[in-house]
Amino acid sequence: MIEHPDITRALQTGYPDVDIEYPPHCPACGCECDYFYRDCSGAVFGCENCVERVDAEEDDET
């Protein structure tokens, strides 16, 4: 009897051949995120979890 290759692989290795998609993680804080923020040189410096958006007209620190 010929078995499906996925069944044969699972019986031999114990694992099915599936591609699991992992959510992206921020390189700065390690959190799961939807967006990365890049600086002018193209380097990722944060995500929506670790970067705070500030209105330029209301920012008193500059």
PDB file of N, CA and C in Angstrom:
ATOM      1  N   MET A   1       0.842  -1.190   0.000  1.00  0.00           N
ATOM      2  CA  MET A   1       0.000   0.000   0.000  1.00  0.00           C
ATOM      3  C   MET A   1       0.886   1.252   0.000  1.00  0.00           C
ATOM      4  N   ILE A   2       0.606   2.156  -0.883  1.00  0.00           N
ATOM      5  CA  ILE A   2       1.369   3.396  -0.992  1.00  0.00           C
ATOM      6  C   ILE A   2       0.722   4.435  -0.086  1.00  0.00           C
ATOM      7  N   GLU A   3       1.556   5.034   0.763  1.00  0.00           N
ATOM      8  CA  GLU A   3       1.044   6.070   1.654  1.00  0.00           C
ATOM      9  C   GLU A   3       1.476   7.441   1.150  1.00  0.00           C
ATOM     10  N   HIS A   4       0.738   8.417   1.560  1.00  0.00           N
ATOM     11  CA  HIS A   4       1.039   9.805   1.210  1.00  0.00           C
ATOM     12  C   HIS A   4       2.395  10.183   1.808  1.00  0.00           C
ATOM     13  N   PRO A   5       3.220  10.962   1.092  1.00  0.00           N
ATOM     14  CA  PRO A   5       4.548  11.329   1.606  1.00  0.00           C
ATOM     15  C   PRO A   5       4.509  12.064   2.941  1.00  0.00           C
ATOM     16  N   ASP A   6       3.467  12.852   3.182  1.00  0.00           N
ATOM     17  CA  ASP A   6       3.365  13.556   4.462  1.00  0.00           C
ATOM     18  C   ASP A   6       3.145  12.582   5.606  1.00  0.00           C
ATOM     19  N   ILE A   7       2.363  11.536   5.369  1.00  0.00           N
ATOM     20  CA  ILE A   7       2.117  10.527   6.402  1.00  0.00           C
ATOM     21  C   ILE A   7       3.394   9.744   6.667  1.00  0.00           C
ATOM     22  N   THR A   8       4.096   9.359   5.618  1.00  0.00           N
ATOM     23  CA  THR A   8       5.354   8.628   5.775  1.00  0.00           C
ATOM     24  C   THR A   8       6.365   9.460   6.558  1.00  0.00           C
ATOM     25  N   ARG A   9       6.499  10.746   6.225  1.00  0.00           N
ATOM     26  CA  ARG A   9       7.431  11.635   6.922  1.00  0.00           C
ATOM     27  C   ARG A   9       7.054  11.779   8.385  1.00  0.00           C
ATOM     28  N   ALA A  10       5.772  11.936   8.671  1.00  0.00           N
ATOM     29  CA  ALA A  10       5.323  12.078  10.053  1.00  0.00           C
ATOM     30  C   ALA A  10       5.591  10.809  10.849  1.00  0.00           C
ATOM     31  N   LEU A  11       5.400   9.645  10.233  1.00  0.00           N
ATOM     32  CA  LEU A  11       5.663   8.384  10.923  1.00  0.00           C
ATOM     33  C   LEU A  11       7.159   8.192  11.168  1.00  0.00           C
ATOM     34  N   GLN A  12       8.002   8.625  10.244  1.00  0.00           N
ATOM     35  CA  GLN A  12       9.442   8.445  10.381  1.00  0.00           C
ATOM     36  C   GLN A  12      10.064   9.444  11.349  1.00  0.00           C
ATOM     37  N   THR A  13       9.633  10.686  11.296  1.00  0.00           N
ATOM     38  CA  THR A  13      10.267  11.737  12.096  1.00  0.00           C
ATOM     39  C   THR A  13       9.455  12.150  13.309  1.00  0.00           C
ATOM     40  N   GLY A  14       8.165  11.894  13.282  1.00  0.00           N
ATOM     41  CA  GLY A  14       7.302  12.342  14.363  1.00  0.00           C
ATOM     42  C   GLY A  14       6.747  13.735  14.152  1.00  0.00           C
ATOM     43  N   TYR A  15       7.160  14.379  13.053  1.00  0.00           N
ATOM     44  CA  TYR A  15       6.716  15.737  12.782  1.00  0.00           C
ATOM     45  C   TYR A  15       6.137  15.836  11.376  1.00  0.00           C
ATOM     46  N   PRO A  16       5.043  16.553  11.215  1.00  0.00           N
ATOM     47  CA  PRO A  16       4.538  16.797   9.862  1.00  0.00           C
ATOM     48  C   PRO A  16       5.387  17.860   9.177  1.00  0.00           C
ATOM     49  N   ASP A  17       5.339  17.907   7.871  1.00  0.00           N
ATOM     50  CA  ASP A  17       6.074  18.912   7.099  1.00  0.00           C
ATOM     51  C   ASP A  17       5.162  20.114   6.893  1.00  0.00           C
ATOM     52  N   VAL A  18       5.180  21.028   7.854  1.00  0.00           N
ATOM     53  CA  VAL A  18       4.349  22.228   7.758  1.00  0.00           C
ATOM     54  C   VAL A  18       5.231  23.457   7.913  1.00  0.00           C
ATOM     55  N   ASP A  19       4.859  24.496   7.253  1.00  0.00           N
ATOM     56  CA  ASP A  19       5.546  25.774   7.395  1.00  0.00           C
ATOM     57  C   ASP A  19       4.784  26.605   8.410  1.00  0.00           C
ATOM     58  N   ILE A  20       5.385  26.819   9.557  1.00  0.00           N
ATOM     59  CA  ILE A  20       4.754  27.609  10.605  1.00  0.00           C
ATOM     60  C   ILE A  20       5.224  29.046  10.448  1.00  0.00           C
ATOM     61  N   GLU A  21       4.276  29.959  10.313  1.00  0.00           N
ATOM     62  CA  GLU A  21       4.616  31.374  10.197  1.00  0.00           C
ATOM     63  C   GLU A  21       4.618  31.992  11.589  1.00  0.00           C
ATOM     64  N   TYR A  22       5.755  32.520  11.973  1.00  0.00           N
ATOM     65  CA  TYR A  22       5.877  33.183  13.258  1.00  0.00           C
ATOM     66  C   TYR A  22       5.709  34.679  13.044  1.00  0.00           C
ATOM     67  N   PRO A  23       5.015  35.361  13.964  1.00  0.00           N
ATOM     68  CA  PRO A  23       4.846  36.809  13.805  1.00  0.00           C
ATOM     69  C   PRO A  23       6.198  37.507  13.940  1.00  0.00           C
ATOM     70  N   PRO A  24       6.372  38.632  13.255  1.00  0.00           N
ATOM     71  CA  PRO A  24       7.649  39.350  13.355  1.00  0.00           C
ATOM     72  C   PRO A  24       7.856  39.917  14.757  1.00  0.00           C
ATOM     73  N   HIS A  25       9.106  39.976  15.171  1.00  0.00           N
ATOM     74  CA  HIS A  25       9.479  40.532  16.467  1.00  0.00           C
ATOM     75  C   HIS A  25      10.421  41.711  16.252  1.00  0.00           C
ATOM     76  N   CYS A  26      10.265  42.718  17.076  1.00  0.00           N
ATOM     77  CA  CYS A  26      11.094  43.917  17.002  1.00  0.00           C
ATOM     78  C   CYS A  26      12.522  43.584  17.438  1.00  0.00           C
ATOM     79  N   PRO A  27      13.528  43.992  16.665  1.00  0.00           N
ATOM     80  CA  PRO A  27      14.909  43.742  17.074  1.00  0.00           C
ATOM     81  C   PRO A  27      15.340  44.597  18.269  1.00  0.00           C
ATOM     82  N   ALA A  28      14.635  45.683  18.540  1.00  0.00           N
ATOM     83  CA  ALA A  28      15.008  46.557  19.652  1.00  0.00           C
ATOM     84  C   ALA A  28      14.420  46.086  20.982  1.00  0.00           C
ATOM     85  N   CYS A  29      13.112  45.760  21.001  1.00  0.00           N
ATOM     86  CA  CYS A  29      12.470  45.401  22.270  1.00  0.00           C
ATOM     87  C   CYS A  29      12.050  43.938  22.345  1.00  0.00           C
ATOM     88  N   GLY A  30      11.980  43.251  21.207  1.00  0.00           N
ATOM     89  CA  GLY A  30      11.629  41.834  21.203  1.00  0.00           C
ATOM     90  C   GLY A  30      10.144  41.540  21.187  1.00  0.00           C
ATOM     91  N   CYS A  31       9.301  42.561  21.182  1.00  0.00           N
ATOM     92  CA  CYS A  31       7.849  42.361  21.177  1.00  0.00           C
ATOM     93  C   CYS A  31       7.358  41.967  19.788  1.00  0.00           C
ATOM     94  N   GLU A  32       6.227  41.240  19.762  1.00  0.00           N
ATOM     95  CA  GLU A  32       5.560  40.990  18.485  1.00  0.00           C
ATOM     96  C   GLU A  32       5.041  42.325  17.973  1.00  0.00           C
ATOM     97  N   CYS A  33       5.156  42.560  16.672  1.00  0.00           N
ATOM     98  CA  CYS A  33       4.736  43.856  16.154  1.00  0.00           C
ATOM     99  C   CYS A  33       4.234  43.734  14.726  1.00  0.00           C
ATOM    100  N   ASP A  34       3.559  44.782  14.284  1.00  0.00           N
ATOM    101  CA  ASP A  34       3.045  44.862  12.922  1.00  0.00           C
ATOM    102  C   ASP A  34       3.912  45.749  12.041  1.00  0.00           C
ATOM    103  N   TYR A  35       4.583  46.742  12.640  1.00  0.00           N
ATOM    104  CA  TYR A  35       5.363  47.716  11.880  1.00  0.00           C
ATOM    105  C   TYR A  35       6.736  47.902  12.506  1.00  0.00           C
ATOM    106  N   PHE A  36       7.753  48.095  11.644  1.00  0.00           N
ATOM    107  CA  PHE A  36       9.086  48.490  12.078  1.00  0.00           C
ATOM    108  C   PHE A  36       9.293  49.938  11.671  1.00  0.00           C
ATOM    109  N   TYR A  37      10.108  50.653  12.422  1.00  0.00           N
ATOM    110  CA  TYR A  37      10.489  52.016  12.068  1.00  0.00           C
ATOM    111  C   TYR A  37      11.970  52.025  11.726  1.00  0.00           C
ATOM    112  N   ARG A  38      12.302  52.687  10.615  1.00  0.00           N
ATOM    113  CA  ARG A  38      13.681  52.756  10.137  1.00  0.00           C
ATOM    114  C   ARG A  38      14.175  54.198  10.205  1.00  0.00           C
ATOM    115  N   ASP A  39      15.482  54.335  10.421  1.00  0.00           N
ATOM    116  CA  ASP A  39      16.075  55.668  10.369  1.00  0.00           C
ATOM    117  C   ASP A  39      16.492  55.982   8.932  1.00  0.00           C
ATOM    118  N   CYS A  40      17.135  57.107   8.719  1.00  0.00           N
ATOM    119  CA  CYS A  40      17.506  57.544   7.364  1.00  0.00           C
ATOM    120  C   CYS A  40      18.459  56.580   6.663  1.00  0.00           C
ATOM    121  N   SER A  41      19.257  55.850   7.432  1.00  0.00           N
ATOM    122  CA  SER A  41      20.205  54.914   6.829  1.00  0.00           C
ATOM    123  C   SER A  41      19.575  53.560   6.533  1.00  0.00           C
ATOM    124  N   GLY A  42      18.320  53.363   6.952  1.00  0.00           N
ATOM    125  CA  GLY A  42      17.618  52.113   6.689  1.00  0.00           C
ATOM    126  C   GLY A  42      17.674  51.115   7.822  1.00  0.00           C
ATOM    127  N   ALA A  43      18.350  51.444   8.913  1.00  0.00           N
ATOM    128  CA  ALA A  43      18.447  50.537  10.056  1.00  0.00           C
ATOM    129  C   ALA A  43      17.157  50.586  10.871  1.00  0.00           C
ATOM    130  N   VAL A  44      16.669  49.432  11.294  1.00  0.00           N
ATOM    131  CA  VAL A  44      15.463  49.367  12.122  1.00  0.00           C
ATOM    132  C   VAL A  44      15.834  49.794  13.538  1.00  0.00           C
ATOM    133  N   PHE A  45      15.080  50.746  14.099  1.00  0.00           N
ATOM    134  CA  PHE A  45      15.376  51.213  15.452  1.00  0.00           C
ATOM    135  C   PHE A  45      14.240  50.975  16.432  1.00  0.00           C
ATOM    136  N   GLY A  46      13.107  50.440  15.984  1.00  0.00           N
ATOM    137  CA  GLY A  46      12.019  50.175  16.912  1.00  0.00           C
ATOM    138  C   GLY A  46      10.748  49.773  16.206  1.00  0.00           C
ATOM    139  N   CYS A  47       9.677  49.673  17.002  1.00  0.00           N
ATOM    140  CA  CYS A  47       8.367  49.272  16.488  1.00  0.00           C
ATOM    141  C   CYS A  47       7.296  50.129  17.157  1.00  0.00           C
ATOM    142  N   GLU A  48       6.031  49.809  16.882  1.00  0.00           N
ATOM    143  CA  GLU A  48       4.946  50.598  17.469  1.00  0.00           C
ATOM    144  C   GLU A  48       4.837  50.404  18.977  1.00  0.00           C
ATOM    145  N   ASN A  49       5.498  49.387  19.522  1.00  0.00           N
ATOM    146  CA  ASN A  49       5.447  49.140  20.964  1.00  0.00           C
ATOM    147  C   ASN A  49       6.512  49.912  21.735  1.00  0.00           C
ATOM    148  N   CYS A  50       7.649  50.213  21.104  1.00  0.00           N
ATOM    149  CA  CYS A  50       8.744  50.834  21.849  1.00  0.00           C
ATOM    150  C   CYS A  50       9.122  52.231  21.348  1.00  0.00           C
ATOM    151  N   VAL A  51       8.457  52.728  20.306  1.00  0.00           N
ATOM    152  CA  VAL A  51       8.731  54.072  19.799  1.00  0.00           C
ATOM    153  C   VAL A  51       7.491  54.918  20.029  1.00  0.00           C
ATOM    154  N   GLU A  52       7.687  56.079  20.607  1.00  0.00           N
ATOM    155  CA  GLU A  52       6.569  56.977  20.889  1.00  0.00           C
ATOM    156  C   GLU A  52       6.486  58.046  19.804  1.00  0.00           C
ATOM    157  N   ARG A  53       5.287  58.244  19.277  1.00  0.00           N
ATOM    158  CA  ARG A  53       5.069  59.292  18.279  1.00  0.00           C
ATOM    159  C   ARG A  53       4.768  60.590  19.011  1.00  0.00           C
ATOM    160  N   VAL A  54       5.459  61.660  18.614  1.00  0.00           N
ATOM    161  CA  VAL A  54       5.303  62.965  19.255  1.00  0.00           C
ATOM    162  C   VAL A  54       5.006  63.988  18.172  1.00  0.00           C
ATOM    163  N   ASP A  55       4.034  64.857  18.430  1.00  0.00           N
ATOM    164  CA  ASP A  55       3.708  65.933  17.498  1.00  0.00           C
ATOM    165  C   ASP A  55       4.826  66.973  17.552  1.00  0.00           C
ATOM    166  N   ALA A  56       5.399  67.294  16.413  1.00  0.00           N
ATOM    167  CA  ALA A  56       6.547  68.201  16.350  1.00  0.00           C
ATOM    168  C   ALA A  56       6.204  69.603  16.841  1.00  0.00           C
ATOM    169  N   GLU A  57       4.985  70.058  16.629  1.00  0.00           N
ATOM    170  CA  GLU A  57       4.607  71.407  17.044  1.00  0.00           C
ATOM    171  C   GLU A  57       4.369  71.500  18.546  1.00  0.00           C
ATOM    172  N   GLU A  58       4.017  70.396  19.188  1.00  0.00           N
ATOM    173  CA  GLU A  58       3.715  70.420  20.615  1.00  0.00           C
ATOM    174  C   GLU A  58       4.867  69.917  21.469  1.00  0.00           C
ATOM    175  N   ASP A  59       5.952  69.470  20.857  1.00  0.00           N
ATOM    176  CA  ASP A  59       7.078  68.920  21.599  1.00  0.00           C
ATOM    177  C   ASP A  59       7.884  70.050  22.225  1.00  0.00           C
ATOM    178  N   ASP A  60       8.006  70.052  23.554  1.00  0.00           N
ATOM    179  CA  ASP A  60       8.730  71.100  24.269  1.00  0.00           C
ATOM    180  C   ASP A  60      10.217  70.794  24.418  1.00  0.00           C
ATOM    181  N   GLU A  61      10.649  69.569  24.129  1.00  0.00           N
ATOM    182  CA  GLU A  61      12.031  69.171  24.366  1.00  0.00           C
ATOM    183  C   GLU A  61      12.989  69.656  23.283  1.00  0.00           C
ATOM    184  N   THR A  62      12.502  70.070  22.122  1.00  0.00           N
ATOM    185  CA  THR A  62      13.405  70.484  21.040  1.00  0.00           C
ATOM    186  C   THR A  62      13.589  71.977  21.016  1.00  0.00           C
TER     187      THR A  62
END
